Amino acid sequence: MDKLTYTGFNADTHGITQLGRVVLDAWLFDLIPAEEDCAGWNKQRLQGLMNDIEKRWDEYGNLPSRLPPELLARHTELYQWATERARTRGWDPELGDED
């Protein structure tokens, strides 16, 4: 199980997955460079990144509305881009977990 690795944001089915959101938030908080999509990262390395992201979100009460203006603008831009990208890859936010 520890040998399983993430395909990376760019190869993710549509990017709006749990791990895809980890990458988006890591980009938001400059925890990884924009060129890094976490391809080939193992579970342990991703968990470390998730811990770092959680600490950063805790500073803002885990709410985008509490981000400072520059981070809020960046969050909005990243998630709009990711949502549009996901829709072109077949993601439908209206589908349930079973679809």
PDB file of N, CA and C in Angstrom:
ATOM      1  N   MET A   1       0.820  -1.195   0.000  1.00  0.00           N
ATOM      2  CA  MET A   1       0.000   0.000   0.000  1.00  0.00           C
ATOM      3  C   MET A   1       0.862   1.255   0.000  1.00  0.00           C
ATOM      4  N   ASP A   2       1.967   1.270   0.726  1.00  0.00           N
ATOM      5  CA  ASP A   2       2.831   2.447   0.782  1.00  0.00           C
ATOM      6  C   ASP A   2       3.482   2.755  -0.566  1.00  0.00           C
ATOM      7  N   LYS A   3       3.486   1.779  -1.465  1.00  0.00           N
ATOM      8  CA  LYS A   3       4.105   2.007  -2.764  1.00  0.00           C
ATOM      9  C   LYS A   3       3.177   2.708  -3.736  1.00  0.00           C
ATOM     10  N   LEU A   4       1.899   2.879  -3.364  1.00  0.00           N
ATOM     11  CA  LEU A   4       0.961   3.587  -4.221  1.00  0.00           C
ATOM     12  C   LEU A   4       1.334   5.059  -4.260  1.00  0.00           C
ATOM     13  N   THR A   5       1.228   5.626  -5.434  1.00  0.00           N
ATOM     14  CA  THR A   5       1.554   7.041  -5.584  1.00  0.00           C
ATOM     15  C   THR A   5       0.425   7.766  -6.309  1.00  0.00           C
ATOM     16  N   TYR A   6       0.397   9.061  -6.115  1.00  0.00           N
ATOM     17  CA  TYR A   6      -0.594   9.919  -6.753  1.00  0.00           C
ATOM     18  C   TYR A   6      -0.169  10.173  -8.192  1.00  0.00           C
ATOM     19  N   THR A   7      -1.130  10.164  -9.092  1.00  0.00           N
ATOM     20  CA  THR A   7      -0.835  10.391 -10.513  1.00  0.00           C
ATOM     21  C   THR A   7      -0.429  11.830 -10.788  1.00  0.00           C
ATOM     22  N   GLY A   8      -0.797  12.721  -9.890  1.00  0.00           N
ATOM     23  CA  GLY A   8      -0.501  14.144 -10.061  1.00  0.00           C
ATOM     24  C   GLY A   8      -1.733  14.896 -10.527  1.00  0.00           C
ATOM     25  N   PHE A   9      -1.787  16.164 -10.207  1.00  0.00           N
ATOM     26  CA  PHE A   9      -2.940  16.988 -10.560  1.00  0.00           C
ATOM     27  C   PHE A   9      -3.188  16.970 -12.067  1.00  0.00           C
ATOM     28  N   ASN A  10      -2.133  17.101 -12.843  1.00  0.00           N
ATOM     29  CA  ASN A  10      -2.296  17.185 -14.296  1.00  0.00           C
ATOM     30  C   ASN A  10      -2.832  15.906 -14.917  1.00  0.00           C
ATOM     31  N   ALA A  11      -2.604  14.763 -14.282  1.00  0.00           N
ATOM     32  CA  ALA A  11      -3.100  13.486 -14.792  1.00  0.00           C
ATOM     33  C   ALA A  11      -4.324  13.000 -14.021  1.00  0.00           C
ATOM     34  N   ASP A  12      -4.718  13.726 -13.000  1.00  0.00           N
ATOM     35  CA  ASP A  12      -5.895  13.368 -12.207  1.00  0.00           C
ATOM     36  C   ASP A  12      -7.107  13.373 -13.135  1.00  0.00           C
ATOM     37  N   THR A  13      -8.072  12.536 -12.844  1.00  0.00           N
ATOM     38  CA  THR A  13      -9.251  12.398 -13.697  1.00  0.00           C
ATOM     39  C   THR A  13      -9.796  13.752 -14.134  1.00  0.00           C
ATOM     40  N   HIS A  14     -10.059  14.606 -13.182  1.00  0.00           N
ATOM     41  CA  HIS A  14     -10.547  15.945 -13.499  1.00  0.00           C
ATOM     42  C   HIS A  14      -9.970  17.009 -12.578  1.00  0.00           C
ATOM     43  N   GLY A  15      -9.281  16.615 -11.537  1.00  0.00           N
ATOM     44  CA  GLY A  15      -8.625  17.566 -10.646  1.00  0.00           C
ATOM     45  C   GLY A  15      -9.435  17.985  -9.439  1.00  0.00           C
ATOM     46  N   ILE A  16     -10.749  17.805  -9.497  1.00  0.00           N
ATOM     47  CA  ILE A  16     -11.572  18.177  -8.349  1.00  0.00           C
ATOM     48  C   ILE A  16     -11.792  16.914  -7.502  1.00  0.00           C
ATOM     49  N   THR A  17     -10.696  16.368  -7.061  1.00  0.00           N
ATOM     50  CA  THR A  17     -10.691  15.210  -6.174  1.00  0.00           C
ATOM     51  C   THR A  17     -10.081  15.669  -4.859  1.00  0.00           C
ATOM     52  N   GLN A  18     -10.092  14.811  -3.871  1.00  0.00           N
ATOM     53  CA  GLN A  18      -9.505  15.186  -2.591  1.00  0.00           C
ATOM     54  C   GLN A  18      -8.029  15.555  -2.770  1.00  0.00           C
ATOM     55  N   LEU A  19      -7.294  14.739  -3.494  1.00  0.00           N
ATOM     56  CA  LEU A  19      -5.871  15.033  -3.683  1.00  0.00           C
ATOM     57  C   LEU A  19      -5.660  16.209  -4.631  1.00  0.00           C
ATOM     58  N   GLY A  20      -6.535  16.370  -5.592  1.00  0.00           N
ATOM     59  CA  GLY A  20      -6.446  17.531  -6.470  1.00  0.00           C
ATOM     60  C   GLY A  20      -6.604  18.829  -5.691  1.00  0.00           C
ATOM     61  N   ARG A  21      -7.499  18.813  -4.740  1.00  0.00           N
ATOM     62  CA  ARG A  21      -7.707  20.000  -3.894  1.00  0.00           C
ATOM     63  C   ARG A  21      -6.509  20.251  -2.985  1.00  0.00           C
ATOM     64  N   VAL A  22      -5.842  19.200  -2.591  1.00  0.00           N
ATOM     65  CA  VAL A  22      -4.612  19.362  -1.805  1.00  0.00           C
ATOM     66  C   VAL A  22      -3.586  20.136  -2.632  1.00  0.00           C
ATOM     67  N   VAL A  23      -3.441  19.752  -3.881  1.00  0.00           N
ATOM     68  CA  VAL A  23      -2.483  20.441  -4.758  1.00  0.00           C
ATOM     69  C   VAL A  23      -2.896  21.898  -4.941  1.00  0.00           C
ATOM     70  N   LEU A  24      -4.172  22.146  -5.193  1.00  0.00           N
ATOM     71  CA  LEU A  24      -4.644  23.528  -5.355  1.00  0.00           C
ATOM     72  C   LEU A  24      -4.334  24.367  -4.116  1.00  0.00           C
ATOM     73  N   ASP A  25      -4.609  23.815  -2.949  1.00  0.00           N
ATOM     74  CA  ASP A  25      -4.336  24.565  -1.718  1.00  0.00           C
ATOM     75  C   ASP A  25      -2.839  24.730  -1.472  1.00  0.00           C
ATOM     76  N   ALA A  26      -2.049  23.745  -1.858  1.00  0.00           N
ATOM     77  CA  ALA A  26      -0.593  23.880  -1.731  1.00  0.00           C
ATOM     78  C   ALA A  26      -0.091  24.989  -2.640  1.00  0.00           C
ATOM     79  N   TRP A  27      -0.657  25.102  -3.831  1.00  0.00           N
ATOM     80  CA  TRP A  27      -0.308  26.216  -4.726  1.00  0.00           C
ATOM     81  C   TRP A  27      -0.755  27.541  -4.120  1.00  0.00           C
ATOM     82  N   LEU A  28      -1.963  27.548  -3.561  1.00  0.00           N
ATOM     83  CA  LEU A  28      -2.505  28.762  -2.954  1.00  0.00           C
ATOM     84  C   LEU A  28      -1.551  29.325  -1.900  1.00  0.00           C
ATOM     85  N   PHE A  29      -1.078  28.449  -1.032  1.00  0.00           N
ATOM     86  CA  PHE A  29      -0.231  28.885   0.074  1.00  0.00           C
ATOM     87  C   PHE A  29       1.263  28.842  -0.246  1.00  0.00           C
ATOM     88  N   ASP A  30       1.598  28.661  -1.519  1.00  0.00           N
ATOM     89  CA  ASP A  30       3.005  28.617  -1.954  1.00  0.00           C
ATOM     90  C   ASP A  30       3.814  27.556  -1.209  1.00  0.00           C
ATOM     91  N   LEU A  31       3.182  26.426  -0.939  1.00  0.00           N
ATOM     92  CA  LEU A  31       3.882  25.332  -0.277  1.00  0.00           C
ATOM     93  C   LEU A  31       4.633  24.471  -1.284  1.00  0.00           C
ATOM     94  N   ILE A  32       4.199  24.526  -2.531  1.00  0.00           N
ATOM     95  CA  ILE A  32       4.897  23.871  -3.640  1.00  0.00           C
ATOM     96  C   ILE A  32       4.876  24.852  -4.815  1.00  0.00           C
ATOM     97  N   PRO A  33       5.858  24.771  -5.696  1.00  0.00           N
ATOM     98  CA  PRO A  33       5.854  25.666  -6.859  1.00  0.00           C
ATOM     99  C   PRO A  33       4.728  25.302  -7.827  1.00  0.00           C
ATOM    100  N   ALA A  34       4.326  26.244  -8.642  1.00  0.00           N
ATOM    101  CA  ALA A  34       3.239  26.032  -9.606  1.00  0.00           C
ATOM    102  C   ALA A  34       3.538  24.899 -10.572  1.00  0.00           C
ATOM    103  N   GLU A  35       4.803  24.616 -10.804  1.00  0.00           N
ATOM    104  CA  GLU A  35       5.185  23.547 -11.739  1.00  0.00           C
ATOM    105  C   GLU A  35       5.038  22.157 -11.114  1.00  0.00           C
ATOM    106  N   GLU A  36       4.922  22.095  -9.798  1.00  0.00           N
ATOM    107  CA  GLU A  36       4.819  20.816  -9.088  1.00  0.00           C
ATOM    108  C   GLU A  36       3.353  20.412  -8.986  1.00  0.00           C
ATOM    109  N   ASP A  37       3.016  19.219  -9.475  1.00  0.00           N
ATOM    110  CA  ASP A  37       1.639  18.743  -9.355  1.00  0.00           C
ATOM    111  C   ASP A  37       1.540  17.491  -8.496  1.00  0.00           C
ATOM    112  N   CYS A  38       2.613  17.153  -7.810  1.00  0.00           N
ATOM    113  CA  CYS A  38       2.689  16.032  -6.868  1.00  0.00           C
ATOM    114  C   CYS A  38       2.630  14.669  -7.542  1.00  0.00           C
ATOM    115  N   ALA A  39       2.904  14.609  -8.825  1.00  0.00           N
ATOM    116  CA  ALA A  39       2.943  13.328  -9.524  1.00  0.00           C
ATOM    117  C   ALA A  39       4.031  12.457  -8.918  1.00  0.00           C
ATOM    118  N   GLY A  40       3.677  11.210  -8.617  1.00  0.00           N
ATOM    119  CA  GLY A  40       4.629  10.266  -8.057  1.00  0.00           C
ATOM    120  C   GLY A  40       4.816  10.362  -6.556  1.00  0.00           C
ATOM    121  N   TRP A  41       4.110  11.287  -5.916  1.00  0.00           N
ATOM    122  CA  TRP A  41       4.239  11.417  -4.459  1.00  0.00           C
ATOM    123  C   TRP A  41       3.539  10.242  -3.781  1.00  0.00           C
ATOM    124  N   ASN A  42       4.181   9.721  -2.733  1.00  0.00           N
ATOM    125  CA  ASN A  42       3.567   8.631  -1.980  1.00  0.00           C
ATOM    126  C   ASN A  42       2.658   9.195  -0.889  1.00  0.00           C
ATOM    127  N   LYS A  43       1.968   8.275  -0.237  1.00  0.00           N
ATOM    128  CA  LYS A  43       0.987   8.639   0.787  1.00  0.00           C
ATOM    129  C   LYS A  43       1.620   9.460   1.917  1.00  0.00           C
ATOM    130  N   GLN A  44       2.789   9.072   2.341  1.00  0.00           N
ATOM    131  CA  GLN A  44       3.450   9.762   3.450  1.00  0.00           C
ATOM    132  C   GLN A  44       3.806  11.204   3.078  1.00  0.00           C
ATOM    133  N   ARG A  45       4.317  11.388   1.901  1.00  0.00           N
ATOM    134  CA  ARG A  45       4.692  12.736   1.459  1.00  0.00           C
ATOM    135  C   ARG A  45       3.453  13.615   1.295  1.00  0.00           C
ATOM    136  N   LEU A  46       2.391  13.047   0.739  1.00  0.00           N
ATOM    137  CA  LEU A  46       1.147  13.803   0.594  1.00  0.00           C
ATOM    138  C   LEU A  46       0.557  14.151   1.960  1.00  0.00           C
ATOM    139  N   GLN A  47       0.662  13.228   2.922  1.00  0.00           N
ATOM    140  CA  GLN A  47       0.150  13.501   4.264  1.00  0.00           C
ATOM    141  C   GLN A  47       0.893  14.671   4.901  1.00  0.00           C
ATOM    142  N   GLY A  48       2.192  14.728   4.707  1.00  0.00           N
ATOM    143  CA  GLY A  48       2.961  15.854   5.222  1.00  0.00           C
ATOM    144  C   GLY A  48       2.503  17.171   4.626  1.00  0.00           C
ATOM    145  N   LEU A  49       2.234  17.165   3.317  1.00  0.00           N
ATOM    146  CA  LEU A  49       1.734  18.373   2.654  1.00  0.00           C
ATOM    147  C   LEU A  49       0.357  18.741   3.188  1.00  0.00           C
ATOM    148  N   MET A  50      -0.496  17.748   3.381  1.00  0.00           N
ATOM    149  CA  MET A  50      -1.830  18.014   3.929  1.00  0.00           C
ATOM    150  C   MET A  50      -1.738  18.626   5.327  1.00  0.00           C
ATOM    151  N   ASN A  51      -0.799  18.160   6.129  1.00  0.00           N
ATOM    152  CA  ASN A  51      -0.614  18.725   7.466  1.00  0.00           C
ATOM    153  C   ASN A  51      -0.208  20.192   7.385  1.00  0.00           C
ATOM    154  N   ASP A  52       0.696  20.505   6.459  1.00  0.00           N
ATOM    155  CA  ASP A  52       1.125  21.898   6.274  1.00  0.00           C
ATOM    156  C   ASP A  52      -0.042  22.775   5.815  1.00  0.00           C
ATOM    157  N   ILE A  53      -0.857  22.245   4.909  1.00  0.00           N
ATOM    158  CA  ILE A  53      -2.017  22.989   4.409  1.00  0.00           C
ATOM    159  C   ILE A  53      -3.016  23.219   5.536  1.00  0.00           C
ATOM    160  N   GLU A  54      -3.244  22.195   6.336  1.00  0.00           N
ATOM    161  CA  GLU A  54      -4.181  22.317   7.458  1.00  0.00           C
ATOM    162  C   GLU A  54      -3.744  23.427   8.414  1.00  0.00           C
ATOM    163  N   LYS A  55      -2.468  23.507   8.698  1.00  0.00           N
ATOM    164  CA  LYS A  55      -1.949  24.568   9.573  1.00  0.00           C
ATOM    165  C   LYS A  55      -2.225  25.943   8.985  1.00  0.00           C
ATOM    166  N   ARG A  56      -2.027  26.060   7.681  1.00  0.00           N
ATOM    167  CA  ARG A  56      -2.265  27.361   7.029  1.00  0.00           C
ATOM    168  C   ARG A  56      -3.749  27.724   7.054  1.00  0.00           C
ATOM    169  N   TRP A  57      -4.614  26.761   6.747  1.00  0.00           N
ATOM    170  CA  TRP A  57      -6.052  27.038   6.781  1.00  0.00           C
ATOM    171  C   TRP A  57      -6.507  27.382   8.187  1.00  0.00           C
ATOM    172  N   ASP A  58      -5.919  26.742   9.194  1.00  0.00           N
ATOM    173  CA  ASP A  58      -6.284  27.034  10.582  1.00  0.00           C
ATOM    174  C   ASP A  58      -6.080  28.509  10.921  1.00  0.00           C
ATOM    175  N   GLU A  59      -5.090  29.133  10.301  1.00  0.00           N
ATOM    176  CA  GLU A  59      -4.826  30.558  10.541  1.00  0.00           C
ATOM    177  C   GLU A  59      -6.009  31.433  10.119  1.00  0.00           C
ATOM    178  N   TYR A  60      -6.844  30.915   9.220  1.00  0.00           N
ATOM    179  CA  TYR A  60      -7.960  31.677   8.667  1.00  0.00           C
ATOM    180  C   TYR A  60      -9.303  31.027   8.988  1.00  0.00           C
ATOM    181  N   GLY A  61      -9.330  30.208  10.030  1.00  0.00           N
ATOM    182  CA  GLY A  61     -10.571  29.575  10.436  1.00  0.00           C
ATOM    183  C   GLY A  61     -11.141  28.631   9.391  1.00  0.00           C
ATOM    184  N   ASN A  62     -10.295  28.159   8.500  1.00  0.00           N
ATOM    185  CA  ASN A  62     -10.701  27.231   7.442  1.00  0.00           C
ATOM    186  C   ASN A  62     -11.768  27.803   6.509  1.00  0.00           C
ATOM    187  N   LEU A  63     -11.808  29.115   6.396  1.00  0.00           N
ATOM    188  CA  LEU A  63     -12.799  29.768   5.545  1.00  0.00           C
ATOM    189  C   LEU A  63     -12.119  30.677   4.516  1.00  0.00           C
ATOM    190  N   PRO A  64     -12.407  30.469   3.241  1.00  0.00           N
ATOM    191  CA  PRO A  64     -11.838  31.374   2.239  1.00  0.00           C
ATOM    192  C   PRO A  64     -12.198  32.833   2.498  1.00  0.00           C
ATOM    193  N   SER A  65     -13.380  33.091   3.038  1.00  0.00           N
ATOM    194  CA  SER A  65     -13.801  34.472   3.294  1.00  0.00           C
ATOM    195  C   SER A  65     -12.920  35.178   4.319  1.00  0.00           C
ATOM    196  N   ARG A  66     -12.162  34.420   5.090  1.00  0.00           N
ATOM    197  CA  ARG A  66     -11.263  35.021   6.084  1.00  0.00           C
ATOM    198  C   ARG A  66      -9.840  35.188   5.570  1.00  0.00           C
ATOM    199  N   LEU A  67      -9.605  34.786   4.335  1.00  0.00           N
ATOM    200  CA  LEU A  67      -8.272  34.982   3.746  1.00  0.00           C
ATOM    201  C   LEU A  67      -8.035  36.466   3.514  1.00  0.00           C
ATOM    202  N   PRO A  68      -6.792  36.911   3.618  1.00  0.00           N
ATOM    203  CA  PRO A  68      -6.506  38.302   3.257  1.00  0.00           C
ATOM    204  C   PRO A  68      -6.817  38.512   1.770  1.00  0.00           C
ATOM    205  N   PRO A  69      -7.083  39.736   1.367  1.00  0.00           N
ATOM    206  CA  PRO A  69      -7.535  40.013  -0.004  1.00  0.00           C
ATOM    207  C   PRO A  69      -6.677  39.369  -1.110  1.00  0.00           C
ATOM    208  N   GLU A  70      -5.364  39.420  -0.966  1.00  0.00           N
ATOM    209  CA  GLU A  70      -4.515  38.854  -2.023  1.00  0.00           C
ATOM    210  C   GLU A  70      -4.637  37.333  -2.106  1.00  0.00           C
ATOM    211  N   LEU A  71      -4.768  36.662  -0.946  1.00  0.00           N
ATOM    212  CA  LEU A  71      -4.957  35.211  -0.954  1.00  0.00           C
ATOM    213  C   LEU A  71      -6.368  34.833  -1.410  1.00  0.00           C
ATOM    214  N   LEU A  72      -7.350  35.631  -1.045  1.00  0.00           N
ATOM    215  CA  LEU A  72      -8.717  35.368  -1.488  1.00  0.00           C
ATOM    216  C   LEU A  72      -8.812  35.475  -3.010  1.00  0.00           C
ATOM    217  N   ALA A  73      -8.172  36.488  -3.568  1.00  0.00           N
ATOM    218  CA  ALA A  73      -8.175  36.641  -5.028  1.00  0.00           C
ATOM    219  C   ALA A  73      -7.484  35.454  -5.688  1.00  0.00           C
ATOM    220  N   ARG A  74      -6.393  35.031  -5.113  1.00  0.00           N
ATOM    221  CA  ARG A  74      -5.662  33.878  -5.658  1.00  0.00           C
ATOM    222  C   ARG A  74      -6.488  32.595  -5.533  1.00  0.00           C
ATOM    223  N   HIS A  75      -7.151  32.410  -4.384  1.00  0.00           N
ATOM    224  CA  HIS A  75      -8.018  31.255  -4.170  1.00  0.00           C
ATOM    225  C   HIS A  75      -9.134  31.244  -5.220  1.00  0.00           C
ATOM    226  N   THR A  76      -9.783  32.373  -5.409  1.00  0.00           N
ATOM    227  CA  THR A  76     -10.872  32.484  -6.378  1.00  0.00           C
ATOM    228  C   THR A  76     -10.378  32.137  -7.778  1.00  0.00           C
ATOM    229  N   GLU A  77      -9.247  32.688  -8.153  1.00  0.00           N
ATOM    230  CA  GLU A  77      -8.677  32.426  -9.478  1.00  0.00           C
ATOM    231  C   GLU A  77      -8.329  30.942  -9.658  1.00  0.00           C
ATOM    232  N   LEU A  78      -7.648  30.366  -8.692  1.00  0.00           N
ATOM    233  CA  LEU A  78      -7.267  28.952  -8.781  1.00  0.00           C
ATOM    234  C   LEU A  78      -8.476  28.036  -8.886  1.00  0.00           C
ATOM    235  N   TYR A  79      -9.455  28.258  -8.038  1.00  0.00           N
ATOM    236  CA  TYR A  79     -10.608  27.363  -8.023  1.00  0.00           C
ATOM    237  C   TYR A  79     -11.529  27.588  -9.225  1.00  0.00           C
ATOM    238  N   GLN A  80     -11.617  28.805  -9.743  1.00  0.00           N
ATOM    239  CA  GLN A  80     -12.373  29.024 -10.977  1.00  0.00           C
ATOM    240  C   GLN A  80     -11.694  28.301 -12.134  1.00  0.00           C
ATOM    241  N   TRP A  81     -10.378  28.444 -12.227  1.00  0.00           N
ATOM    242  CA  TRP A  81      -9.623  27.758 -13.270  1.00  0.00           C
ATOM    243  C   TRP A  81      -9.797  26.241 -13.152  1.00  0.00           C
ATOM    244  N   ALA A  82      -9.650  25.713 -11.939  1.00  0.00           N
ATOM    245  CA  ALA A  82      -9.758  24.268 -11.732  1.00  0.00           C
ATOM    246  C   ALA A  82     -11.162  23.761 -12.036  1.00  0.00           C
ATOM    247  N   THR A  83     -12.174  24.530 -11.693  1.00  0.00           N
ATOM    248  CA  THR A  83     -13.553  24.134 -11.958  1.00  0.00           C
ATOM    249  C   THR A  83     -13.831  24.104 -13.459  1.00  0.00           C
ATOM    250  N   GLU A  84     -13.403  25.130 -14.159  1.00  0.00           N
ATOM    251  CA  GLU A  84     -13.578  25.161 -15.616  1.00  0.00           C
ATOM    252  C   GLU A  84     -12.831  23.997 -16.272  1.00  0.00           C
ATOM    253  N   ARG A  85     -11.619  23.754 -15.828  1.00  0.00           N
ATOM    254  CA  ARG A  85     -10.807  22.653 -16.351  1.00  0.00           C
ATOM    255  C   ARG A  85     -11.498  21.317 -16.096  1.00  0.00           C
ATOM    256  N   ALA A  86     -12.028  21.141 -14.887  1.00  0.00           N
ATOM    257  CA  ALA A  86     -12.691  19.897 -14.528  1.00  0.00           C
ATOM    258  C   ALA A  86     -13.938  19.659 -15.385  1.00  0.00           C
ATOM    259  N   ARG A  87     -14.690  20.702 -15.631  1.00  0.00           N
ATOM    260  CA  ARG A  87     -15.899  20.557 -16.458  1.00  0.00           C
ATOM    261  C   ARG A  87     -15.539  20.118 -17.873  1.00  0.00           C
ATOM    262  N   THR A  88     -14.441  20.623 -18.411  1.00  0.00           N
ATOM    263  CA  THR A  88     -14.038  20.200 -19.760  1.00  0.00           C
ATOM    264  C   THR A  88     -13.586  18.746 -19.771  1.00  0.00           C
ATOM    265  N   ARG A  89     -13.266  18.212 -18.585  1.00  0.00           N
ATOM    266  CA  ARG A  89     -12.851  16.809 -18.460  1.00  0.00           C
ATOM    267  C   ARG A  89     -13.994  15.907 -17.999  1.00  0.00           C
ATOM    268  N   GLY A  90     -15.212  16.441 -17.994  1.00  0.00           N
ATOM    269  CA  GLY A  90     -16.378  15.631 -17.685  1.00  0.00           C
ATOM    270  C   GLY A  90     -16.891  15.704 -16.263  1.00  0.00           C
ATOM    271  N   TRP A  91     -16.309  16.541 -15.438  1.00  0.00           N
ATOM    272  CA  TRP A  91     -16.781  16.669 -14.055  1.00  0.00           C
ATOM    273  C   TRP A  91     -18.117  17.385 -14.032  1.00  0.00           C
ATOM    274  N   ASP A  92     -19.061  16.857 -13.265  1.00  0.00           N
ATOM    275  CA  ASP A  92     -20.369  17.462 -13.100  1.00  0.00           C
ATOM    276  C   ASP A  92     -20.633  17.583 -11.603  1.00  0.00           C
ATOM    277  N   PRO A  93     -20.657  18.790 -11.080  1.00  0.00           N
ATOM    278  CA  PRO A  93     -20.857  18.952  -9.639  1.00  0.00           C
ATOM    279  C   PRO A  93     -22.235  18.494  -9.174  1.00  0.00           C
ATOM    280  N   GLU A  94     -23.162  18.303 -10.081  1.00  0.00           N
ATOM    281  CA  GLU A  94     -24.507  17.868  -9.720  1.00  0.00           C
ATOM    282  C   GLU A  94     -24.627  16.365  -9.531  1.00  0.00           C
ATOM    283  N   LEU A  95     -23.640  15.604 -10.023  1.00  0.00           N
ATOM    284  CA  LEU A  95     -23.687  14.157  -9.883  1.00  0.00           C
ATOM    285  C   LEU A  95     -23.448  13.753  -8.440  1.00  0.00           C
ATOM    286  N   GLY A  96     -24.097  12.680  -8.025  1.00  0.00           N
ATOM    287  CA  GLY A  96     -23.906  12.165  -6.667  1.00  0.00           C
ATOM    288  C   GLY A  96     -22.679  11.292  -6.582  1.00  0.00           C
ATOM    289  N   ASP A  97     -22.413  10.789  -5.405  1.00  0.00           N
ATOM    290  CA  ASP A  97     -21.247   9.936  -5.170  1.00  0.00           C
ATOM    291  C   ASP A  97     -21.296   8.645  -5.972  1.00  0.00           C
ATOM    292  N   GLU A  98     -22.482   8.193  -6.309  1.00  0.00           N
ATOM    293  CA  GLU A  98     -22.632   6.935  -7.030  1.00  0.00           C
ATOM    294  C   GLU A  98     -22.525   7.115  -8.541  1.00  0.00           C
ATOM    295  N   ASP A  99     -22.555   8.343  -9.041  1.00  0.00           N
ATOM    296  CA  ASP A  99     -22.519   8.604 -10.494  1.00  0.00           C
ATOM    297  C   ASP A  99     -21.131   8.707 -11.035  1.00  0.00           C
TER     298      ASP A  99
END
